[in-house]
Structure formats: structure tokens, C-alpha cells
């Protein structure tokens, strides 16, 4: 464990936990395996090894470290909750109980797991926009993953609506659809070159005003398709006209093969041509 290293640090991220008494195994030791698994998951899925190691060195008041710590603890607890009151004895598995505390019922445990899953997803949603400012993150494979669409965070899940269960799982479900829809728009309207540039700038948060206009409209088309199953051709034509009229802001499009689809050769009537018309 690199990020969560003390029992006090762990407990600060867990509500409604009873303080340990002398002689009890520290809670961090009971969760050690799950914390290791959670940290590995956060590194491989969101931060990258290099960026995670840098985050671990931030001060405890750093917002990225706070959000990352919350995410690690939330995922560790989500994994651990089903087994926290189960112990292995020489005679088999048993349930932990005392004179004052009885094991929670299965429905309560299930609700707690669901609540921790929702909390984990909220931590993901809060962390992703902040990672842009973390050291070397923008050059990581994880940044490439989230920057491969115009929707690099969980906001699309709320925008589409109707999701039940984990927002993170829903995001992973929507992402391939979004990539396919964006590819179609790139080939027929925007050009792969322009869309690639817009994705990168959208991830970094440094879109110009005019490029931001296009990103908002394209995202609206994607969301519209996810909800209704079709694009609005009139709106897409308006987007292309805006791009055509602002060449300096969209040079990638004007140099692309896609632009030629909107600039067919001009017919010129010449006397020497076999198809000359009076």
C-alpha cells in the first residue's frame, strides 16, 4: 500500500466506524489485501503507475490526493464488506458477534454494498476532471482511454438518463457506442483530423470559443442519437457551415478529405467540350 498507509488515514475516509480498542487488530491490517487490490485498480484504470506514485507524494491537503484516497477506500470497502464479519476457525467459517453487536442482516449488507458502490462512482466522477492537472497524466495510456471520445468523464451517464446500478459500469457500456457514433460523424461530416484535435483539446480543457461551440453541438448530436436513435441532419449541416465559414479556427477540416465532400467540382460550360450547351 502506498496511498493509504495509516489506520488514522483509513478511518478518516470511513463514516460510522467504531474506534479500535487495545488488543484489537488495526482496521488497516484487516483491509490490507483489499486496499492493495483497490490501489492497483485505480492505477491501471485511472491514474497510471507514474501519476499514482506522484499523487502519493502530494500533501494530505492536495485535492487530487484527497479524491484518490476516497476512491481507493471506497473500492476497498466495496470489496471487503461481504467478508468483514466472517472469520475462519479450525471448525470452519463463523460470524463475528459480541454481547452488544449482532451481525447485520443480508438486506442491510446489500444496501451498504450498493451505497459504497455509488460512493465509489461519485469518487470516480470527481477525480477524473482533476487528473488533467496531475503530473504526466496527459501522456499516459489512461488519458488516451478517456480522451478517445468527447465524453472523458461520467457526465454522459447522467445526460443520457435512465441508468440504474453503477454509473461506472454504465459509462463502460456507453463508451463503445459513443466511439462508433463519433467515427461516423467524423467520416461524413467533421473529418477524423478535426475530431481528433477536438478530443485532445476537450480533455485538456483548452478549447477556443469557436471550437467549444462545435464540441457542444457535436456532443448534443451524440446524446440525441443515444436517446432517439438518429442524428439531426439539419443541425449537422449547420455545424459544417459554421466550420466552413471559420477556416482559421478549423484548419484540420479544410485540409481534410472530408472537406471535399462539401466542395464538388464546379461545372464550366466550354465550347470545345462534347457536352457544350447553348
C-alpha atoms as a PDB file:
ATOM      1  CA  UNK A   1       0.000   0.000   0.000  1.00  0.00           C
ATOM      2  CA  UNK A   2       1.337   3.409  -0.973  1.00  0.00           C
ATOM      3  CA  UNK A   3      -1.573   5.834  -0.698  1.00  0.00           C
ATOM      4  CA  UNK A   4      -3.387   4.640   2.436  1.00  0.00           C
ATOM      5  CA  UNK A   5      -0.644   3.858   4.949  1.00  0.00           C
ATOM      6  CA  UNK A   6      -2.065   4.509   8.426  1.00  0.00           C
ATOM      7  CA  UNK A   7      -5.132   3.422  10.352  1.00  0.00           C
ATOM      8  CA  UNK A   8      -5.967   7.064  11.048  1.00  0.00           C
ATOM      9  CA  UNK A   9      -5.844   7.917   7.345  1.00  0.00           C
ATOM     10  CA  UNK A  10      -8.088   4.952   6.548  1.00  0.00           C
ATOM     11  CA  UNK A  11     -10.642   5.786   9.245  1.00  0.00           C
ATOM     12  CA  UNK A  12     -10.887   9.417   8.134  1.00  0.00           C
ATOM     13  CA  UNK A  13     -12.471   8.143   4.909  1.00  0.00           C
ATOM     14  CA  UNK A  14     -14.972   5.776   6.556  1.00  0.00           C
ATOM     15  CA  UNK A  15     -18.177   7.003   8.229  1.00  0.00           C
ATOM     16  CA  UNK A  16     -19.791   5.276  11.220  1.00  0.00           C
ATOM     17  CA  UNK A  17     -16.815   3.205  12.305  1.00  0.00           C
ATOM     18  CA  UNK A  18     -16.206   2.310  15.933  1.00  0.00           C
ATOM     19  CA  UNK A  19     -12.775   3.133  17.314  1.00  0.00           C
ATOM     20  CA  UNK A  20     -10.422   0.227  17.947  1.00  0.00           C
ATOM     21  CA  UNK A  21      -9.647  -0.808  21.491  1.00  0.00           C
ATOM     22  CA  UNK A  22      -6.399  -2.077  22.881  1.00  0.00           C
ATOM     23  CA  UNK A  23      -5.613  -5.573  21.686  1.00  0.00           C
ATOM     24  CA  UNK A  24      -7.760  -5.443  18.540  1.00  0.00           C
ATOM     25  CA  UNK A  25      -6.235  -5.927  15.111  1.00  0.00           C
ATOM     26  CA  UNK A  26      -5.939  -2.461  13.488  1.00  0.00           C
ATOM     27  CA  UNK A  27      -8.563  -1.979  10.800  1.00  0.00           C
ATOM     28  CA  UNK A  28      -5.926  -1.166   8.195  1.00  0.00           C
ATOM     29  CA  UNK A  29      -4.447  -4.631   8.695  1.00  0.00           C
ATOM     30  CA  UNK A  30      -7.834  -6.248   8.174  1.00  0.00           C
ATOM     31  CA  UNK A  31      -8.282  -4.266   4.945  1.00  0.00           C
ATOM     32  CA  UNK A  32      -4.680  -4.519   3.710  1.00  0.00           C
ATOM     33  CA  UNK A  33      -5.397  -7.016   0.926  1.00  0.00           C
ATOM     34  CA  UNK A  34      -8.429  -5.069  -0.293  1.00  0.00           C
ATOM     35  CA  UNK A  35      -6.532  -1.765  -0.177  1.00  0.00           C
ATOM     36  CA  UNK A  36      -3.763  -3.270  -2.291  1.00  0.00           C
ATOM     37  CA  UNK A  37      -6.317  -4.502  -4.828  1.00  0.00           C
ATOM     38  CA  UNK A  38      -8.072  -1.122  -4.879  1.00  0.00           C
ATOM     39  CA  UNK A  39      -4.826   0.800  -5.358  1.00  0.00           C
ATOM     40  CA  UNK A  40      -3.814  -1.483  -8.240  1.00  0.00           C
ATOM     41  CA  UNK A  41      -7.235  -0.988  -9.836  1.00  0.00           C
ATOM     42  CA  UNK A  42      -7.024   2.809  -9.530  1.00  0.00           C
ATOM     43  CA  UNK A  43      -3.509   2.812 -11.024  1.00  0.00           C
ATOM     44  CA  UNK A  44      -4.321   0.636 -14.017  1.00  0.00           C
ATOM     45  CA  UNK A  45      -7.751   2.133 -14.717  1.00  0.00           C
ATOM     46  CA  UNK A  46      -7.444   5.835 -13.936  1.00  0.00           C
ATOM     47  CA  UNK A  47      -4.081   7.296 -12.961  1.00  0.00           C
ATOM     48  CA  UNK A  48      -1.193   5.214 -14.369  1.00  0.00           C
ATOM     49  CA  UNK A  49       1.664   3.952 -12.183  1.00  0.00           C
ATOM     50  CA  UNK A  50       3.766   7.080 -12.604  1.00  0.00           C
ATOM     51  CA  UNK A  51       0.998   9.542 -11.822  1.00  0.00           C
ATOM     52  CA  UNK A  52      -0.219   7.453  -8.875  1.00  0.00           C
ATOM     53  CA  UNK A  53       3.254   7.453  -7.336  1.00  0.00           C
ATOM     54  CA  UNK A  54       3.396  11.233  -7.735  1.00  0.00           C
ATOM     55  CA  UNK A  55      -0.041  11.635  -6.129  1.00  0.00           C
ATOM     56  CA  UNK A  56       1.138   9.585  -3.146  1.00  0.00           C
ATOM     57  CA  UNK A  57       3.820  12.223  -2.575  1.00  0.00           C
ATOM     58  CA  UNK A  58       1.363  15.130  -2.536  1.00  0.00           C
ATOM     59  CA  UNK A  59       0.457  16.754   0.767  1.00  0.00           C
ATOM     60  CA  UNK A  60      -2.618  15.412   2.541  1.00  0.00           C
ATOM     61  CA  UNK A  61      -4.428  18.674   1.772  1.00  0.00           C
ATOM     62  CA  UNK A  62      -3.991  18.259  -2.006  1.00  0.00           C
ATOM     63  CA  UNK A  63      -7.412  17.829  -3.637  1.00  0.00           C
ATOM     64  CA  UNK A  64      -6.260  15.166  -6.106  1.00  0.00           C
ATOM     65  CA  UNK A  65      -4.761  13.089  -3.282  1.00  0.00           C
ATOM     66  CA  UNK A  66      -7.926  13.502  -1.199  1.00  0.00           C
ATOM     67  CA  UNK A  67     -10.153  12.342  -4.072  1.00  0.00           C
ATOM     68  CA  UNK A  68      -7.839   9.483  -4.958  1.00  0.00           C
ATOM     69  CA  UNK A  69      -7.729   8.335  -1.319  1.00  0.00           C
ATOM     70  CA  UNK A  70     -11.519   8.390  -1.105  1.00  0.00           C
ATOM     71  CA  UNK A  71     -11.755   6.313  -4.268  1.00  0.00           C
ATOM     72  CA  UNK A  72      -9.257   3.722  -3.032  1.00  0.00           C
ATOM     73  CA  UNK A  73     -11.007   3.355   0.334  1.00  0.00           C
ATOM     74  CA  UNK A  74     -14.459   3.187  -1.255  1.00  0.00           C
ATOM     75  CA  UNK A  75     -13.410   0.433  -3.642  1.00  0.00           C
ATOM     76  CA  UNK A  76     -11.560  -1.463  -0.919  1.00  0.00           C
ATOM     77  CA  UNK A  77     -14.623  -1.410   1.339  1.00  0.00           C
ATOM     78  CA  UNK A  78     -16.890  -2.427  -1.531  1.00  0.00           C
ATOM     79  CA  UNK A  79     -14.718  -5.487  -1.987  1.00  0.00           C
ATOM     80  CA  UNK A  80     -14.306  -6.195   1.732  1.00  0.00           C
ATOM     81  CA  UNK A  81     -17.784  -5.661   3.208  1.00  0.00           C
ATOM     82  CA  UNK A  82     -19.184  -9.136   2.439  1.00  0.00           C
ATOM     83  CA  UNK A  83     -16.346 -10.793   4.374  1.00  0.00           C
ATOM     84  CA  UNK A  84     -15.630  -8.362   7.222  1.00  0.00           C
ATOM     85  CA  UNK A  85     -17.811 -10.241   9.725  1.00  0.00           C
ATOM     86  CA  UNK A  86     -16.735 -13.704   8.571  1.00  0.00           C
ATOM     87  CA  UNK A  87     -13.813 -15.459  10.227  1.00  0.00           C
ATOM     88  CA  UNK A  88     -12.117 -18.768   9.516  1.00  0.00           C
ATOM     89  CA  UNK A  89     -11.879 -21.054  12.536  1.00  0.00           C
ATOM     90  CA  UNK A  90     -10.434 -24.576  12.893  1.00  0.00           C
ATOM     91  CA  UNK A  91     -14.008 -25.815  12.623  1.00  0.00           C
ATOM     92  CA  UNK A  92     -14.933 -23.741   9.545  1.00  0.00           C
ATOM     93  CA  UNK A  93     -16.307 -20.255   8.921  1.00  0.00           C
ATOM     94  CA  UNK A  94     -18.054 -18.294  11.654  1.00  0.00           C
ATOM     95  CA  UNK A  95     -19.827 -14.952  12.111  1.00  0.00           C
ATOM     96  CA  UNK A  96     -18.323 -12.309  14.372  1.00  0.00           C
ATOM     97  CA  UNK A  97     -20.649 -11.264  17.195  1.00  0.00           C
ATOM     98  CA  UNK A  98     -20.462  -9.731  20.674  1.00  0.00           C
ATOM     99  CA  UNK A  99     -22.863  -9.141  23.525  1.00  0.00           C
ATOM    100  CA  UNK A 100     -23.592  -5.633  22.248  1.00  0.00           C
ATOM    101  CA  UNK A 101     -23.335  -6.027  18.466  1.00  0.00           C
ATOM    102  CA  UNK A 102     -25.030  -8.539  16.194  1.00  0.00           C
ATOM    103  CA  UNK A 103     -24.192  -9.157  12.532  1.00  0.00           C
ATOM    104  CA  UNK A 104     -26.165  -7.036  10.104  1.00  0.00           C
ATOM    105  CA  UNK A 105     -28.850  -8.761   8.059  1.00  0.00           C
ATOM    106  CA  UNK A 106     -28.179  -9.632   4.428  1.00  0.00           C
ATOM    107  CA  UNK A 107     -30.515  -6.875   3.107  1.00  0.00           C
ATOM    108  CA  UNK A 108     -28.652  -4.285   5.180  1.00  0.00           C
ATOM    109  CA  UNK A 109     -25.298  -5.549   3.985  1.00  0.00           C
ATOM    110  CA  UNK A 110     -26.538  -5.479   0.387  1.00  0.00           C
ATOM    111  CA  UNK A 111     -27.711  -1.891   0.838  1.00  0.00           C
ATOM    112  CA  UNK A 112     -24.347  -0.977   2.313  1.00  0.00           C
ATOM    113  CA  UNK A 113     -22.502  -2.538  -0.615  1.00  0.00           C
ATOM    114  CA  UNK A 114     -24.787  -0.660  -3.025  1.00  0.00           C
ATOM    115  CA  UNK A 115     -24.234   2.571  -1.136  1.00  0.00           C
ATOM    116  CA  UNK A 116     -20.461   2.077  -1.214  1.00  0.00           C
ATOM    117  CA  UNK A 117     -20.645   1.322  -4.948  1.00  0.00           C
ATOM    118  CA  UNK A 118     -22.500   4.591  -5.524  1.00  0.00           C
ATOM    119  CA  UNK A 119     -19.955   6.415  -3.361  1.00  0.00           C
ATOM    120  CA  UNK A 120     -17.126   4.852  -5.365  1.00  0.00           C
ATOM    121  CA  UNK A 121     -18.715   6.058  -8.608  1.00  0.00           C
ATOM    122  CA  UNK A 122     -19.118   9.556  -7.166  1.00  0.00           C
ATOM    123  CA  UNK A 123     -15.405   9.493  -6.314  1.00  0.00           C
ATOM    124  CA  UNK A 124     -14.584   8.486  -9.899  1.00  0.00           C
ATOM    125  CA  UNK A 125     -16.739  11.313 -11.261  1.00  0.00           C
ATOM    126  CA  UNK A 126     -14.983  13.827  -9.003  1.00  0.00           C
ATOM    127  CA  UNK A 127     -11.460  12.537  -9.671  1.00  0.00           C
ATOM    128  CA  UNK A 128     -11.457  12.294 -13.481  1.00  0.00           C
ATOM    129  CA  UNK A 129     -11.648  16.063 -14.223  1.00  0.00           C
ATOM    130  CA  UNK A 130      -8.903  16.714 -11.658  1.00  0.00           C
ATOM    131  CA  UNK A 131      -6.443  14.214 -13.143  1.00  0.00           C
ATOM    132  CA  UNK A 132      -5.754  16.572 -16.048  1.00  0.00           C
ATOM    133  CA  UNK A 133      -3.673  18.629 -13.635  1.00  0.00           C
ATOM    134  CA  UNK A 134      -1.733  15.655 -12.239  1.00  0.00           C
ATOM    135  CA  UNK A 135       1.883  15.129 -13.249  1.00  0.00           C
ATOM    136  CA  UNK A 136       2.379  13.288 -16.574  1.00  0.00           C
ATOM    137  CA  UNK A 137      -1.219  12.075 -16.663  1.00  0.00           C
ATOM    138  CA  UNK A 138      -1.980  13.582 -20.073  1.00  0.00           C
ATOM    139  CA  UNK A 139       0.751  11.431 -21.659  1.00  0.00           C
ATOM    140  CA  UNK A 140      -0.478   8.202 -20.037  1.00  0.00           C
ATOM    141  CA  UNK A 141      -2.437   5.332 -21.649  1.00  0.00           C
ATOM    142  CA  UNK A 142      -5.216   6.087 -19.162  1.00  0.00           C
ATOM    143  CA  UNK A 143      -5.537   9.633 -20.522  1.00  0.00           C
ATOM    144  CA  UNK A 144      -5.661   8.169 -24.045  1.00  0.00           C
ATOM    145  CA  UNK A 145      -8.510   5.911 -22.933  1.00  0.00           C
ATOM    146  CA  UNK A 146     -10.649   8.727 -21.541  1.00  0.00           C
ATOM    147  CA  UNK A 147      -9.632  11.153 -24.282  1.00  0.00           C
ATOM    148  CA  UNK A 148     -10.687   8.831 -27.092  1.00  0.00           C
ATOM    149  CA  UNK A 149     -14.176  10.385 -27.068  1.00  0.00           C
ATOM    150  CA  UNK A 150     -15.642  13.831 -26.434  1.00  0.00           C
ATOM    151  CA  UNK A 151     -17.035  12.405 -23.179  1.00  0.00           C
ATOM    152  CA  UNK A 152     -13.991  11.825 -20.924  1.00  0.00           C
ATOM    153  CA  UNK A 153     -15.965  11.570 -17.686  1.00  0.00           C
ATOM    154  CA  UNK A 154     -19.143  10.097 -16.208  1.00  0.00           C
ATOM    155  CA  UNK A 155     -21.274  13.120 -17.081  1.00  0.00           C
ATOM    156  CA  UNK A 156     -22.647  11.323 -20.128  1.00  0.00           C
ATOM    157  CA  UNK A 157     -24.373   8.778 -17.873  1.00  0.00           C
ATOM    158  CA  UNK A 158     -26.459  11.468 -16.194  1.00  0.00           C
ATOM    159  CA  UNK A 159     -27.040  13.206 -19.537  1.00  0.00           C
ATOM    160  CA  UNK A 160     -28.443  10.056 -21.151  1.00  0.00           C
ATOM    161  CA  UNK A 161     -30.513   9.272 -18.059  1.00  0.00           C
ATOM    162  CA  UNK A 162     -32.359   6.134 -17.105  1.00  0.00           C
ATOM    163  CA  UNK A 163     -29.285   4.393 -15.720  1.00  0.00           C
ATOM    164  CA  UNK A 164     -29.610   2.003 -12.813  1.00  0.00           C
ATOM    165  CA  UNK A 165     -26.786   0.410 -10.860  1.00  0.00           C
ATOM    166  CA  UNK A 166     -23.190   1.513 -11.220  1.00  0.00           C
ATOM    167  CA  UNK A 167     -22.534   4.697 -13.185  1.00  0.00           C
ATOM    168  CA  UNK A 168     -19.012   3.486 -13.927  1.00  0.00           C
ATOM    169  CA  UNK A 169     -20.302   0.253 -15.453  1.00  0.00           C
ATOM    170  CA  UNK A 170     -22.844   2.247 -17.467  1.00  0.00           C
ATOM    171  CA  UNK A 171     -20.069   4.516 -18.741  1.00  0.00           C
ATOM    172  CA  UNK A 172     -18.090   1.480 -19.901  1.00  0.00           C
ATOM    173  CA  UNK A 173     -21.231   0.224 -21.637  1.00  0.00           C
ATOM    174  CA  UNK A 174     -21.865   3.543 -23.418  1.00  0.00           C
ATOM    175  CA  UNK A 175     -18.267   4.222 -24.435  1.00  0.00           C
ATOM    176  CA  UNK A 176     -18.033   1.796 -27.428  1.00  0.00           C
ATOM    177  CA  UNK A 177     -21.318   3.184 -28.783  1.00  0.00           C
ATOM    178  CA  UNK A 178     -20.046   6.746 -28.465  1.00  0.00           C
ATOM    179  CA  UNK A 179     -16.759   5.888 -30.203  1.00  0.00           C
ATOM    180  CA  UNK A 180     -18.686   4.344 -33.103  1.00  0.00           C
ATOM    181  CA  UNK A 181     -21.053   7.318 -33.395  1.00  0.00           C
ATOM    182  CA  UNK A 182     -18.196   9.811 -33.307  1.00  0.00           C
ATOM    183  CA  UNK A 183     -16.391   7.828 -36.017  1.00  0.00           C
ATOM    184  CA  UNK A 184     -19.476   8.055 -38.248  1.00  0.00           C
ATOM    185  CA  UNK A 185     -19.718  11.808 -37.732  1.00  0.00           C
ATOM    186  CA  UNK A 186     -16.011  12.186 -38.441  1.00  0.00           C
ATOM    187  CA  UNK A 187     -16.169  10.300 -41.734  1.00  0.00           C
ATOM    188  CA  UNK A 188     -19.276  12.025 -43.047  1.00  0.00           C
ATOM    189  CA  UNK A 189     -19.181  15.498 -41.521  1.00  0.00           C
ATOM    190  CA  UNK A 190     -16.325  16.562 -39.226  1.00  0.00           C
ATOM    191  CA  UNK A 191     -13.251  14.731 -40.585  1.00  0.00           C
ATOM    192  CA  UNK A 192     -11.114  12.397 -38.450  1.00  0.00           C
ATOM    193  CA  UNK A 193      -8.397  15.068 -38.272  1.00  0.00           C
ATOM    194  CA  UNK A 194     -10.618  17.716 -36.708  1.00  0.00           C
ATOM    195  CA  UNK A 195     -12.353  15.307 -34.329  1.00  0.00           C
ATOM    196  CA  UNK A 196      -9.001  14.008 -33.058  1.00  0.00           C
ATOM    197  CA  UNK A 197      -7.846  17.553 -32.319  1.00  0.00           C
ATOM    198  CA  UNK A 198     -11.126  18.435 -30.625  1.00  0.00           C
ATOM    199  CA  UNK A 199     -10.923  15.369 -28.395  1.00  0.00           C
ATOM    200  CA  UNK A 200      -7.434  16.255 -27.210  1.00  0.00           C
ATOM    201  CA  UNK A 201      -8.306  19.873 -26.502  1.00  0.00           C
ATOM    202  CA  UNK A 202     -11.570  18.904 -24.846  1.00  0.00           C
ATOM    203  CA  UNK A 203      -9.700  16.571 -22.488  1.00  0.00           C
ATOM    204  CA  UNK A 204      -7.155  19.266 -21.625  1.00  0.00           C
ATOM    205  CA  UNK A 205      -9.872  21.896 -21.248  1.00  0.00           C
ATOM    206  CA  UNK A 206      -8.231  24.411 -23.597  1.00  0.00           C
ATOM    207  CA  UNK A 207     -10.772  24.652 -26.425  1.00  0.00           C
ATOM    208  CA  UNK A 208     -11.099  28.031 -28.086  1.00  0.00           C
ATOM    209  CA  UNK A 209     -14.512  29.678 -28.022  1.00  0.00           C
ATOM    210  CA  UNK A 210     -15.381  28.676 -31.590  1.00  0.00           C
ATOM    211  CA  UNK A 211     -14.130  25.120 -31.205  1.00  0.00           C
ATOM    212  CA  UNK A 212     -16.055  24.825 -27.961  1.00  0.00           C
ATOM    213  CA  UNK A 213     -19.223  25.772 -29.869  1.00  0.00           C
ATOM    214  CA  UNK A 214     -18.664  22.825 -32.203  1.00  0.00           C
ATOM    215  CA  UNK A 215     -17.872  20.399 -29.383  1.00  0.00           C
ATOM    216  CA  UNK A 216     -21.074  21.305 -27.555  1.00  0.00           C
ATOM    217  CA  UNK A 217     -23.152  20.810 -30.701  1.00  0.00           C
ATOM    218  CA  UNK A 218     -21.498  17.521 -31.616  1.00  0.00           C
ATOM    219  CA  UNK A 219     -21.983  16.202 -28.090  1.00  0.00           C
ATOM    220  CA  UNK A 220     -25.643  17.193 -28.335  1.00  0.00           C
ATOM    221  CA  UNK A 221     -25.930  15.127 -31.519  1.00  0.00           C
ATOM    222  CA  UNK A 222     -24.347  12.104 -29.829  1.00  0.00           C
ATOM    223  CA  UNK A 223     -26.680  12.380 -26.855  1.00  0.00           C
ATOM    224  CA  UNK A 224     -29.633  12.832 -29.173  1.00  0.00           C
ATOM    225  CA  UNK A 225     -28.728   9.662 -31.027  1.00  0.00           C
ATOM    226  CA  UNK A 226     -28.333   7.675 -27.805  1.00  0.00           C
ATOM    227  CA  UNK A 227     -31.813   8.786 -26.757  1.00  0.00           C
ATOM    228  CA  UNK A 228     -33.706   8.691 -30.066  1.00  0.00           C
ATOM    229  CA  UNK A 229     -31.605   6.566 -32.429  1.00  0.00           C
ATOM    230  CA  UNK A 230     -30.942   9.246 -35.069  1.00  0.00           C
ATOM    231  CA  UNK A 231     -28.902  12.331 -35.842  1.00  0.00           C
ATOM    232  CA  UNK A 232     -30.386  15.687 -36.821  1.00  0.00           C
ATOM    233  CA  UNK A 233     -29.085  16.189 -40.386  1.00  0.00           C
ATOM    234  CA  UNK A 234     -30.106  19.840 -40.456  1.00  0.00           C
ATOM    235  CA  UNK A 235     -28.098  20.557 -37.304  1.00  0.00           C
ATOM    236  CA  UNK A 236     -25.120  18.665 -38.690  1.00  0.00           C
ATOM    237  CA  UNK A 237     -25.274  20.769 -41.861  1.00  0.00           C
ATOM    238  CA  UNK A 238     -25.293  23.886 -39.671  1.00  0.00           C
ATOM    239  CA  UNK A 239     -22.197  22.596 -37.871  1.00  0.00           C
ATOM    240  CA  UNK A 240     -20.359  22.081 -41.156  1.00  0.00           C
ATOM    241  CA  UNK A 241     -21.388  25.517 -42.429  1.00  0.00           C
ATOM    242  CA  UNK A 242     -20.012  27.077 -39.234  1.00  0.00           C
ATOM    243  CA  UNK A 243     -16.738  25.217 -39.783  1.00  0.00           C
ATOM    244  CA  UNK A 244     -16.592  26.292 -43.441  1.00  0.00           C
ATOM    245  CA  UNK A 245     -17.134  29.942 -42.547  1.00  0.00           C
ATOM    246  CA  UNK A 246     -14.397  29.895 -39.881  1.00  0.00           C
ATOM    247  CA  UNK A 247     -11.450  28.422 -41.728  1.00  0.00           C
ATOM    248  CA  UNK A 248      -8.803  29.864 -39.400  1.00  0.00           C
ATOM    249  CA  UNK A 249     -10.349  28.069 -36.431  1.00  0.00           C
ATOM    250  CA  UNK A 250     -10.802  24.722 -38.190  1.00  0.00           C
ATOM    251  CA  UNK A 251      -7.790  24.270 -40.467  1.00  0.00           C
ATOM    252  CA  UNK A 252      -7.767  20.497 -39.890  1.00  0.00           C
ATOM    253  CA  UNK A 253     -11.170  20.179 -41.559  1.00  0.00           C
ATOM    254  CA  UNK A 254     -10.343  22.418 -44.526  1.00  0.00           C
ATOM    255  CA  UNK A 255      -7.242  20.312 -45.294  1.00  0.00           C
ATOM    256  CA  UNK A 256      -9.081  17.001 -44.984  1.00  0.00           C
ATOM    257  CA  UNK A 257     -10.621  14.632 -47.499  1.00  0.00           C
ATOM    258  CA  UNK A 258     -13.944  15.088 -45.744  1.00  0.00           C
ATOM    259  CA  UNK A 259     -14.000  18.764 -46.760  1.00  0.00           C
ATOM    260  CA  UNK A 260     -14.013  17.694 -50.420  1.00  0.00           C
ATOM    261  CA  UNK A 261     -17.405  16.083 -49.879  1.00  0.00           C
ATOM    262  CA  UNK A 262     -18.803  19.576 -49.382  1.00  0.00           C
ATOM    263  CA  UNK A 263     -16.913  21.203 -52.267  1.00  0.00           C
ATOM    264  CA  UNK A 264     -17.790  19.337 -55.512  1.00  0.00           C
ATOM    265  CA  UNK A 265     -16.064  20.437 -58.751  1.00  0.00           C
ATOM    266  CA  UNK A 266     -17.678  23.476 -60.388  1.00  0.00           C
ATOM    267  CA  UNK A 267     -19.114  22.752 -63.859  1.00  0.00           C
ATOM    268  CA  UNK A 268     -17.807  25.082 -66.556  1.00  0.00           C
ATOM    269  CA  UNK A 269     -19.529  25.229 -69.967  1.00  0.00           C
ATOM    270  CA  UNK A 270     -16.829  25.274 -72.681  1.00  0.00           C
ATOM    271  CA  UNK A 271     -17.367  25.208 -76.452  1.00  0.00           C
ATOM    272  CA  UNK A 272     -14.727  22.548 -77.002  1.00  0.00           C
ATOM    273  CA  UNK A 273     -16.467  20.187 -74.599  1.00  0.00           C
ATOM    274  CA  UNK A 274     -18.569  17.451 -76.220  1.00  0.00           C
ATOM    275  CA  UNK A 275     -21.432  18.246 -73.902  1.00  0.00           C
ATOM    276  CA  UNK A 276     -21.470  22.021 -74.669  1.00  0.00           C
ATOM    277  CA  UNK A 277     -24.898  23.677 -74.195  1.00  0.00           C
ATOM    278  CA  UNK A 278     -26.133  26.951 -75.740  1.00  0.00           C
END
